[in-house]
C-alpha atoms as a PDB file:
ATOM      1  CA  MET A   1       0.000   0.000   0.000  1.00  0.00           C
ATOM      2  CA  LEU A   2       2.959   2.309   0.644  1.00  0.00           C
ATOM      3  CA  GLU A   3       5.981   2.916  -1.563  1.00  0.00           C
ATOM      4  CA  GLY A   4       9.156   4.940  -1.068  1.00  0.00           C
ATOM      5  CA  ILE A   5       9.796   3.411   2.365  1.00  0.00           C
ATOM      6  CA  PRO A   6      11.630   4.372   4.544  1.00  0.00           C
ATOM      7  CA  HIS A   7      12.625   7.894   3.496  1.00  0.00           C
ATOM      8  CA  ASP A   8       9.647   9.218   1.521  1.00  0.00           C
ATOM      9  CA  PRO A   9       6.631   6.947   2.111  1.00  0.00           C
ATOM     10  CA  MET A  10       3.631   7.641  -0.082  1.00  0.00           C
ATOM     11  CA  PHE A  11       0.422   5.751  -0.722  1.00  0.00           C
ATOM     12  CA  LYS A  12       0.248   3.964  -4.043  1.00  0.00           C
ATOM     13  CA  SER A  13      -2.321   5.288  -6.510  1.00  0.00           C
ATOM     14  CA  MET A  14      -4.729   2.402  -5.699  1.00  0.00           C
ATOM     15  CA  HIS A  15      -5.794   2.280  -9.337  1.00  0.00           C
ATOM     16  CA  ASN A  16      -5.568  -1.521  -9.125  1.00  0.00           C
ATOM     17  CA  PHE A  17      -7.866  -1.808  -6.098  1.00  0.00           C
ATOM     18  CA  ILE A  18     -11.527  -2.630  -6.673  1.00  0.00           C
ATOM     19  CA  HIS A  19     -13.913  -2.397  -3.724  1.00  0.00           C
ATOM     20  CA  ILE A  20     -17.030  -4.582  -3.805  1.00  0.00           C
ATOM     21  CA  ASP A  21     -19.895  -4.859  -1.379  1.00  0.00           C
ATOM     22  CA  GLU A  22     -22.650  -6.697  -3.164  1.00  0.00           C
ATOM     23  CA  LYS A  23     -21.578  -4.215  -5.760  1.00  0.00           C
ATOM     24  CA  TRP A  24     -17.925  -2.265  -7.739  1.00  0.00           C
ATOM     25  CA  PHE A  25     -10.837  -0.994 -15.889  1.00  0.00           C
ATOM     26  CA  TYR A  26     -10.734  -1.229 -19.661  1.00  0.00           C
ATOM     27  CA  MET A  27      -9.608  -3.898 -22.093  1.00  0.00           C
ATOM     28  CA  THR A  28      -8.418  -0.963 -24.154  1.00  0.00           C
ATOM     29  CA  LYS A  29      -5.148   0.866 -24.496  1.00  0.00           C
ATOM     30  CA  LYS A  30      -4.159   3.552 -22.018  1.00  0.00           C
ATOM     31  CA  SER A  31      -3.993   6.016 -24.888  1.00  0.00           C
ATOM     32  CA  GLU A  32      -5.939   5.948 -28.135  1.00  0.00           C
ATOM     33  CA  ASN A  33      -6.529   8.429 -30.929  1.00  0.00           C
ATOM     34  CA  TYR A  34      -9.971  10.040 -31.082  1.00  0.00           C
ATOM     35  CA  TYR A  35     -11.341  12.443 -33.672  1.00  0.00           C
ATOM     36  CA  LEU A  36     -13.536  14.969 -31.885  1.00  0.00           C
ATOM     37  CA  LEU A  37     -15.739  17.717 -33.176  1.00  0.00           C
ATOM     38  CA  PRO A  38     -14.957  21.180 -31.722  1.00  0.00           C
ATOM     39  CA  GLU A  39     -17.964  21.023 -29.370  1.00  0.00           C
ATOM     40  CA  GLU A  40     -17.303  17.475 -28.130  1.00  0.00           C
ATOM     41  CA  ASP A  41     -15.880  16.728 -24.690  1.00  0.00           C
ATOM     42  CA  GLU A  42     -12.689  14.713 -24.432  1.00  0.00           C
ATOM     43  CA  PRO A  43     -13.291  11.075 -23.360  1.00  0.00           C
ATOM     44  CA  HIS A  44     -12.153  10.075 -19.894  1.00  0.00           C
ATOM     45  CA  ARG A  45     -12.073   6.942 -17.784  1.00  0.00           C
ATOM     46  CA  THR A  46     -14.583   6.780 -14.958  1.00  0.00           C
ATOM     47  CA  CYS A  47     -12.702   3.991 -13.114  1.00  0.00           C
ATOM     48  CA  LYS A  48     -16.083   2.466 -12.254  1.00  0.00           C
ATOM     49  CA  ILE A  49     -16.412  -1.252 -12.941  1.00  0.00           C
ATOM     50  CA  GLY A  50     -20.161  -1.690 -12.784  1.00  0.00           C
ATOM     51  CA  ILE A  51     -23.259  -2.227 -10.703  1.00  0.00           C
ATOM     52  CA  PHE A  52     -25.016  -5.584 -10.784  1.00  0.00           C
ATOM     53  CA  PRO A  53     -28.557  -5.780  -9.322  1.00  0.00           C
ATOM     54  CA  PHE A  54     -29.535  -8.914  -7.408  1.00  0.00           C
ATOM     55  CA  VAL A  55     -32.645  -9.549  -9.487  1.00  0.00           C
ATOM     56  CA  THR A  56     -34.032 -12.249 -11.775  1.00  0.00           C
ATOM     57  CA  GLN A  57     -36.533 -12.285 -14.626  1.00  0.00           C
ATOM     58  CA  GLU A  58     -39.490 -14.630 -14.124  1.00  0.00           C
ATOM     59  CA  THR A  59     -42.735 -15.266 -15.992  1.00  0.00           C
ATOM     60  CA  ALA A  60     -45.841 -13.977 -14.219  1.00  0.00           C
ATOM     61  CA  LYS A  61     -48.013 -16.943 -13.310  1.00  0.00           C
ATOM     62  CA  ARG A  62     -51.246 -15.007 -12.850  1.00  0.00           C
ATOM     63  CA  THR A  63     -52.896 -11.976 -14.384  1.00  0.00           C
ATOM     64  CA  SER A  64     -52.927  -8.940 -12.113  1.00  0.00           C
ATOM     65  CA  ALA A  65     -53.778  -5.256 -12.338  1.00  0.00           C
ATOM     66  CA  ASN A  66     -50.195  -4.552 -13.473  1.00  0.00           C
ATOM     67  CA  ARG A  67     -49.555  -7.407 -15.920  1.00  0.00           C
ATOM     68  CA  VAL A  68     -51.093 -10.369 -17.697  1.00  0.00           C
ATOM     69  CA  ALA A  69     -50.043 -13.948 -17.120  1.00  0.00           C
ATOM     70  CA  GLY A  70     -46.925 -14.869 -19.093  1.00  0.00           C
ATOM     71  CA  THR A  71     -45.373 -11.399 -18.900  1.00  0.00           C
ATOM     72  CA  MET A  72     -41.743 -11.279 -17.774  1.00  0.00           C
ATOM     73  CA  GLU A  73     -41.397  -9.558 -14.412  1.00  0.00           C
ATOM     74  CA  THR A  74     -38.380  -8.545 -12.342  1.00  0.00           C
ATOM     75  CA  LYS A  75     -38.020 -10.068  -8.894  1.00  0.00           C
ATOM     76  CA  ALA A  76     -35.420  -9.449  -6.218  1.00  0.00           C
ATOM     77  CA  ILE A  77     -33.069 -12.243  -5.181  1.00  0.00           C
ATOM     78  CA  THR A  78     -34.061 -12.317  -1.526  1.00  0.00           C
ATOM     79  CA  SER A  79     -31.441 -14.843  -0.390  1.00  0.00           C
ATOM     80  CA  VAL A  80     -27.961 -13.634  -1.358  1.00  0.00           C
ATOM     81  CA  ASN A  81     -25.804 -16.550  -0.204  1.00  0.00           C
ATOM     82  CA  ARG A  82     -22.249 -17.602  -0.984  1.00  0.00           C
ATOM     83  CA  ASP A  83     -23.260 -19.367  -4.204  1.00  0.00           C
ATOM     84  CA  VAL A  84     -24.980 -16.219  -5.464  1.00  0.00           C
ATOM     85  CA  ILE A  85     -21.960 -14.082  -4.598  1.00  0.00           C
ATOM     86  CA  ARG A  86     -19.629 -16.517  -6.366  1.00  0.00           C
ATOM     87  CA  SER A  87     -21.875 -16.558  -9.421  1.00  0.00           C
ATOM     88  CA  PHE A  88     -22.002 -12.755  -9.655  1.00  0.00           C
ATOM     89  CA  LEU A  89     -18.239 -12.475  -9.209  1.00  0.00           C
ATOM     90  CA  ILE A  90     -17.442 -15.052 -11.887  1.00  0.00           C
ATOM     91  CA  GLU A  91     -20.206 -14.248 -14.381  1.00  0.00           C
ATOM     92  CA  LYS A  92     -20.470 -10.464 -14.015  1.00  0.00           C
ATOM     93  CA  VAL A  93     -17.675  -8.757 -12.063  1.00  0.00           C
ATOM     94  CA  LEU A  94     -14.649 -10.591 -13.492  1.00  0.00           C
ATOM     95  CA  PRO A  95     -15.712 -10.353 -17.168  1.00  0.00           C
ATOM     96  CA  THR A  96     -16.353  -6.620 -16.737  1.00  0.00           C
ATOM     97  CA  ILE A  97     -12.944  -6.088 -15.135  1.00  0.00           C
ATOM     98  CA  LYS A  98     -11.261  -7.950 -17.990  1.00  0.00           C
ATOM     99  CA  GLU A  99     -13.226  -5.971 -20.561  1.00  0.00           C
ATOM    100  CA  LYS A 100     -12.413  -2.575 -19.079  1.00  0.00           C
ATOM    101  CA  TRP A 101      -8.872  -3.028 -17.788  1.00  0.00           C
ATOM    102  CA  PRO A 102      -6.236  -1.153 -19.848  1.00  0.00           C
ATOM    103  CA  ARG A 103      -4.543  -3.595 -22.202  1.00  0.00           C
ATOM    104  CA  ASP A 104      -1.124  -2.023 -21.534  1.00  0.00           C
ATOM    105  CA  ASP A 105      -1.406  -3.001 -17.853  1.00  0.00           C
ATOM    106  CA  LEU A 106      -2.177  -6.652 -18.533  1.00  0.00           C
ATOM    107  CA  GLY A 107       0.308  -8.820 -16.660  1.00  0.00           C
ATOM    108  CA  THR A 108       2.194  -5.864 -15.165  1.00  0.00           C
ATOM    109  CA  SER A 109       0.227  -5.373 -11.950  1.00  0.00           C
ATOM    110  CA  THR A 110      -1.930  -7.329  -9.550  1.00  0.00           C
ATOM    111  CA  ILE A 111      -5.602  -6.376  -9.386  1.00  0.00           C
ATOM    112  CA  PHE A 112      -7.014  -6.578  -5.865  1.00  0.00           C
ATOM    113  CA  ILE A 113     -10.738  -7.053  -5.269  1.00  0.00           C
ATOM    114  CA  GLN A 114     -11.542  -5.998  -1.724  1.00  0.00           C
ATOM    115  CA  GLN A 115     -14.632  -7.334   0.040  1.00  0.00           C
ATOM    116  CA  ASP A 116     -15.817  -7.147   3.625  1.00  0.00           C
ATOM    117  CA  ASN A 117     -15.967 -10.096   6.014  1.00  0.00           C
ATOM    118  CA  ALA A 118     -19.611 -11.075   5.545  1.00  0.00           C
ATOM    119  CA  ARG A 119     -20.188 -14.816   5.913  1.00  0.00           C
ATOM    120  CA  THR A 120     -21.869 -14.934   2.513  1.00  0.00           C
ATOM    121  CA  HIS A 121     -18.674 -13.828   0.764  1.00  0.00           C
ATOM    122  CA  ILE A 122     -16.383 -16.450  -0.747  1.00  0.00           C
ATOM    123  CA  ASN A 123     -12.948 -17.207   0.674  1.00  0.00           C
ATOM    124  CA  HIS A 124      -9.870 -15.690  -0.949  1.00  0.00           C
ATOM    125  CA  ASP A 125      -8.770 -19.203  -2.003  1.00  0.00           C
ATOM    126  CA  ASP A 126     -12.113 -20.284  -3.486  1.00  0.00           C
ATOM    127  CA  GLN A 127     -11.172 -22.766  -6.206  1.00  0.00           C
ATOM    128  CA  GLU A 128     -13.844 -21.785  -8.743  1.00  0.00           C
ATOM    129  CA  PHE A 129     -12.859 -18.136  -8.391  1.00  0.00           C
ATOM    130  CA  ILE A 130      -9.126 -18.895  -8.686  1.00  0.00           C
ATOM    131  CA  GLN A 131      -9.716 -21.009 -11.787  1.00  0.00           C
ATOM    132  CA  GLU A 132     -11.497 -18.116 -13.469  1.00  0.00           C
ATOM    133  CA  VAL A 133      -9.127 -15.276 -12.477  1.00  0.00           C
ATOM    134  CA  THR A 134      -6.079 -17.057 -13.877  1.00  0.00           C
ATOM    135  CA  ARG A 135      -7.491 -17.013 -17.407  1.00  0.00           C
ATOM    136  CA  ASP A 136      -6.335 -14.549 -20.078  1.00  0.00           C
ATOM    137  CA  GLY A 137      -3.100 -13.538 -18.343  1.00  0.00           C
ATOM    138  CA  PHE A 138      -4.690 -11.601 -15.472  1.00  0.00           C
ATOM    139  CA  ASP A 139      -3.442 -11.602 -11.880  1.00  0.00           C
ATOM    140  CA  ILE A 140      -6.583 -10.929  -9.835  1.00  0.00           C
ATOM    141  CA  ARG A 141      -6.685 -11.593  -6.112  1.00  0.00           C
ATOM    142  CA  LEU A 142      -9.434 -11.439  -3.527  1.00  0.00           C
ATOM    143  CA  MET A 143      -8.759  -9.763  -0.179  1.00  0.00           C
ATOM    144  CA  CYS A 144     -10.820  -8.849   2.889  1.00  0.00           C
ATOM    145  CA  GLN A 145     -10.817  -5.469   4.578  1.00  0.00           C
ATOM    146  CA  PRO A 146     -10.017  -5.370   8.305  1.00  0.00           C
ATOM    147  CA  ALA A 147     -12.971  -6.322  10.496  1.00  0.00           C
ATOM    148  CA  ASN A 148     -15.167  -3.537  11.899  1.00  0.00           C
ATOM    149  CA  SER A 149     -13.485  -0.944   9.689  1.00  0.00           C
ATOM    150  CA  PRO A 150     -16.135   0.501   7.328  1.00  0.00           C
ATOM    151  CA  ASP A 151     -13.916   3.541   6.654  1.00  0.00           C
ATOM    152  CA  LEU A 152     -11.531   1.248   4.767  1.00  0.00           C
ATOM    153  CA  ASN A 153     -14.086   0.624   2.018  1.00  0.00           C
ATOM    154  CA  VAL A 154     -14.823   3.502  -0.355  1.00  0.00           C
ATOM    155  CA  LEU A 155     -18.375   2.236  -0.853  1.00  0.00           C
ATOM    156  CA  ASP A 156     -19.241   2.625   2.834  1.00  0.00           C
ATOM    157  CA  LEU A 157     -17.040   5.708   3.139  1.00  0.00           C
ATOM    158  CA  GLY A 158     -19.180   7.792   0.828  1.00  0.00           C
ATOM    159  CA  PHE A 159     -20.124   6.121  -2.441  1.00  0.00           C
ATOM    160  CA  PHE A 160     -23.257   4.285  -1.245  1.00  0.00           C
ATOM    161  CA  SER A 161     -24.766   7.331   0.464  1.00  0.00           C
ATOM    162  CA  ALA A 162     -24.126   9.484  -2.608  1.00  0.00           C
ATOM    163  CA  ILE A 163     -25.741   6.904  -4.903  1.00  0.00           C
ATOM    164  CA  GLN A 164     -28.714   6.554  -2.552  1.00  0.00           C
ATOM    165  CA  SER A 165     -29.188  10.315  -2.486  1.00  0.00           C
ATOM    166  CA  LEU A 166     -29.270  10.450  -6.290  1.00  0.00           C
ATOM    167  CA  GLN A 167     -31.582   7.422  -6.474  1.00  0.00           C
ATOM    168  CA  HIS A 168     -34.118   8.935  -4.051  1.00  0.00           C
ATOM    169  CA  LYS A 169     -34.675  11.825  -6.472  1.00  0.00           C
ATOM    170  CA  GLU A 170     -36.221   9.336  -8.932  1.00  0.00           C
ATOM    171  CA  SER A 171     -38.952   8.133  -6.498  1.00  0.00           C
ATOM    172  CA  PRO A 172     -39.225   4.607  -7.981  1.00  0.00           C
ATOM    173  CA  LYS A 173     -42.403   2.632  -7.280  1.00  0.00           C
ATOM    174  CA  ILE A 174     -41.653  -0.808  -8.732  1.00  0.00           C
ATOM    175  CA  ILE A 175     -38.519  -2.975  -8.876  1.00  0.00           C
ATOM    176  CA  ASP A 176     -37.762  -2.145 -12.533  1.00  0.00           C
ATOM    177  CA  GLU A 177     -37.919   1.572 -11.747  1.00  0.00           C
ATOM    178  CA  LEU A 178     -35.734   1.059  -8.672  1.00  0.00           C
ATOM    179  CA  VAL A 179     -33.099  -0.846 -10.684  1.00  0.00           C
ATOM    180  CA  HIS A 180     -33.152   1.820 -13.398  1.00  0.00           C
ATOM    181  CA  ALA A 181     -32.815   4.620 -10.820  1.00  0.00           C
ATOM    182  CA  VAL A 182     -29.882   2.975  -9.026  1.00  0.00           C
ATOM    183  CA  VAL A 183     -28.036   2.151 -12.266  1.00  0.00           C
ATOM    184  CA  LYS A 184     -28.619   5.690 -13.564  1.00  0.00           C
ATOM    185  CA  SER A 185     -27.341   7.142 -10.279  1.00  0.00           C
ATOM    186  CA  PHE A 186     -24.245   4.942 -10.494  1.00  0.00           C
ATOM    187  CA  GLU A 187     -23.526   6.026 -14.067  1.00  0.00           C
ATOM    188  CA  ASN A 188     -24.039   9.704 -13.209  1.00  0.00           C
ATOM    189  CA  PHE A 189     -21.773   9.619 -10.166  1.00  0.00           C
ATOM    190  CA  SER A 190     -18.794  11.871 -10.857  1.00  0.00           C
ATOM    191  CA  SER A 191     -15.333  10.324 -11.187  1.00  0.00           C
ATOM    192  CA  VAL A 192     -14.034  13.493  -9.489  1.00  0.00           C
ATOM    193  CA  LYS A 193     -16.059  12.611  -6.403  1.00  0.00           C
ATOM    194  CA  SER A 194     -14.723   9.059  -6.595  1.00  0.00           C
ATOM    195  CA  ASN A 195     -11.197  10.458  -6.371  1.00  0.00           C
ATOM    196  CA  HIS A 196     -12.227  12.531  -3.351  1.00  0.00           C
ATOM    197  CA  ILE A 197     -13.409   9.384  -1.564  1.00  0.00           C
ATOM    198  CA  PHE A 198     -10.163   7.536  -2.314  1.00  0.00           C
ATOM    199  CA  VAL A 199      -8.221  10.498  -0.893  1.00  0.00           C
ATOM    200  CA  THR A 200     -10.367  10.277   2.246  1.00  0.00           C
ATOM    201  CA  LEU A 201      -9.630   6.542   2.397  1.00  0.00           C
ATOM    202  CA  GLN A 202      -5.885   7.225   2.487  1.00  0.00           C
ATOM    203  CA  LEU A 203      -6.378   9.919   5.146  1.00  0.00           C
ATOM    204  CA  CYS A 204      -8.318   7.396   7.257  1.00  0.00           C
ATOM    205  CA  MET A 205      -5.466   4.910   6.894  1.00  0.00           C
ATOM    206  CA  ILE A 206      -3.061   7.529   8.232  1.00  0.00           C
ATOM    207  CA  GLU A 207      -5.347   8.200  11.216  1.00  0.00           C
ATOM    208  CA  ILE A 208      -5.597   4.463  11.914  1.00  0.00           C
ATOM    209  CA  MET A 209      -1.800   4.222  11.907  1.00  0.00           C
ATOM    210  CA  LYS A 210      -1.632   7.121  14.373  1.00  0.00           C
ATOM    211  CA  ALA A 211      -4.121   5.252  16.599  1.00  0.00           C
ATOM    212  CA  ASN A 212      -2.130   1.978  16.441  1.00  0.00           C
ATOM    213  CA  GLY A 213      -4.911   0.240  14.546  1.00  0.00           C
ATOM    214  CA  SER A 214      -7.785   1.569  16.635  1.00  0.00           C
ATOM    215  CA  ILE A 215     -10.980   2.843  15.017  1.00  0.00           C
ATOM    216  CA  LYS A 216     -11.262   5.604  17.625  1.00  0.00           C
ATOM    217  CA  TYR A 217     -10.451   8.549  15.390  1.00  0.00           C
ATOM    218  CA  LYS A 218     -12.239  11.263  13.455  1.00  0.00           C
ATOM    219  CA  ILE A 219     -12.283  11.356   9.674  1.00  0.00           C
ATOM    220  CA  PRO A 220     -10.023  14.329   8.849  1.00  0.00           C
ATOM    221  CA  HIS A 221     -11.083  17.268   6.709  1.00  0.00           C
ATOM    222  CA  PHE A 222      -8.824  18.095   3.762  1.00  0.00           C
ATOM    223  CA  ASN A 223     -10.502  20.870   1.720  1.00  0.00           C
ATOM    224  CA  LYS A 224     -10.671  18.525  -1.265  1.00  0.00           C
ATOM    225  CA  GLU A 225     -13.041  20.718  -3.276  1.00  0.00           C
ATOM    226  CA  ARG A 226     -10.759  23.763  -2.976  1.00  0.00           C
ATOM    227  CA  LEU A 227      -7.652  21.748  -3.819  1.00  0.00           C
ATOM    228  CA  GLU A 228      -9.498  20.250  -6.798  1.00  0.00           C
ATOM    229  CA  ARG A 229     -10.369  23.725  -8.103  1.00  0.00           C
ATOM    230  CA  GLU A 230      -6.745  24.788  -7.721  1.00  0.00           C
ATOM    231  CA  GLY A 231      -5.510  21.652  -9.476  1.00  0.00           C
ATOM    232  CA  GLN A 232      -3.565  20.592  -6.378  1.00  0.00           C
ATOM    233  CA  LEU A 233      -5.577  17.609  -5.103  1.00  0.00           C
ATOM    234  CA  PRO A 234      -3.203  14.630  -4.920  1.00  0.00           C
ATOM    235  CA  ILE A 235      -4.028  11.086  -5.966  1.00  0.00           C
ATOM    236  CA  GLU A 236      -1.359   9.656  -3.677  1.00  0.00           C
ATOM    237  CA  MET A 237      -1.108  11.008  -0.131  1.00  0.00           C
ATOM    238  CA  LYS A 238       2.298  11.379   1.502  1.00  0.00           C
ATOM    239  CA  CYS A 239       2.842   9.656   4.828  1.00  0.00           C
ATOM    240  CA  ASP A 240       5.161  10.787   7.635  1.00  0.00           C
ATOM    241  CA  PRO A 241       8.239   8.480   7.558  1.00  0.00           C
ATOM    242  CA  ILE A 242       8.548   8.702  11.356  1.00  0.00           C
ATOM    243  CA  LEU A 243       4.936   7.500  11.687  1.00  0.00           C
ATOM    244  CA  VAL A 244       5.634   4.571   9.368  1.00  0.00           C
ATOM    245  CA  GLN A 245       8.659   3.542  11.409  1.00  0.00           C
ATOM    246  CA  GLU A 246       6.634   3.808  14.624  1.00  0.00           C
ATOM    247  CA  VAL A 247       3.964   1.563  13.109  1.00  0.00           C
ATOM    248  CA  PHE A 248       6.570  -1.041  12.133  1.00  0.00           C
ATOM    249  CA  LYS A 249       7.978  -0.888  15.661  1.00  0.00           C
ATOM    250  CA  TYR A 250       4.517  -1.274  17.189  1.00  0.00           C
ATOM    251  CA  LEU A 251       3.670  -4.266  14.987  1.00  0.00           C
ATOM    252  CA  ASN A 252       6.949  -5.984  15.834  1.00  0.00           C
ATOM    253  CA  THR A 253       6.231  -5.712  19.560  1.00  0.00           C
ATOM    254  CA  GLU A 254       2.675  -7.033  19.392  1.00  0.00           C
END
């Protein structure tokens, strides 16, 4: 997570970290030529993998006020167990990662998928998952965030609440409308705000190091909006080398 140790420690960019939580680069080149009209915006990467609703399509068995028998209707998957999680990872998340990940980075860096410690999540050494991630030259590994540490997941740290706020503006009344509203909110979420949350994540990591691993700290303020306007918002936060050495010393004595 840190590089430049011991003299100038700095957080890595975290571009190869994907956070999932019953949720979250391009199988394209890092740089391509585009022909744009004068009024067109330049293309940019959102660094968002995707959002995958836990729903199924089933045939309506009876005629109701909303539909006739035989019509396809959307139903929520009410029991999201380990098999469902594994299926979504293998059939939806992994193919999307492989499709979107920059081709120039293939085989040069490890991609980490971070999940929380829910019992329904698969183990990091799940054989079906490992068999799938080793295809096509990718190095994809599953990891768990520290227990009872929601601030170490960008989804809990700010992404989910922002998506929910956008979704509530749609006022959906049926499942199809809800799915559409959530997906639309996800797609409309600004990549600039995503960067802000990742900066906050690194700041939380620094506070946790100061607290010797404790979660008794306050999320620091960093004037991210002002720094963004001034073009000075970093992607990689610097870390005090003395603090890093103190953390190593603390870990070696525990």
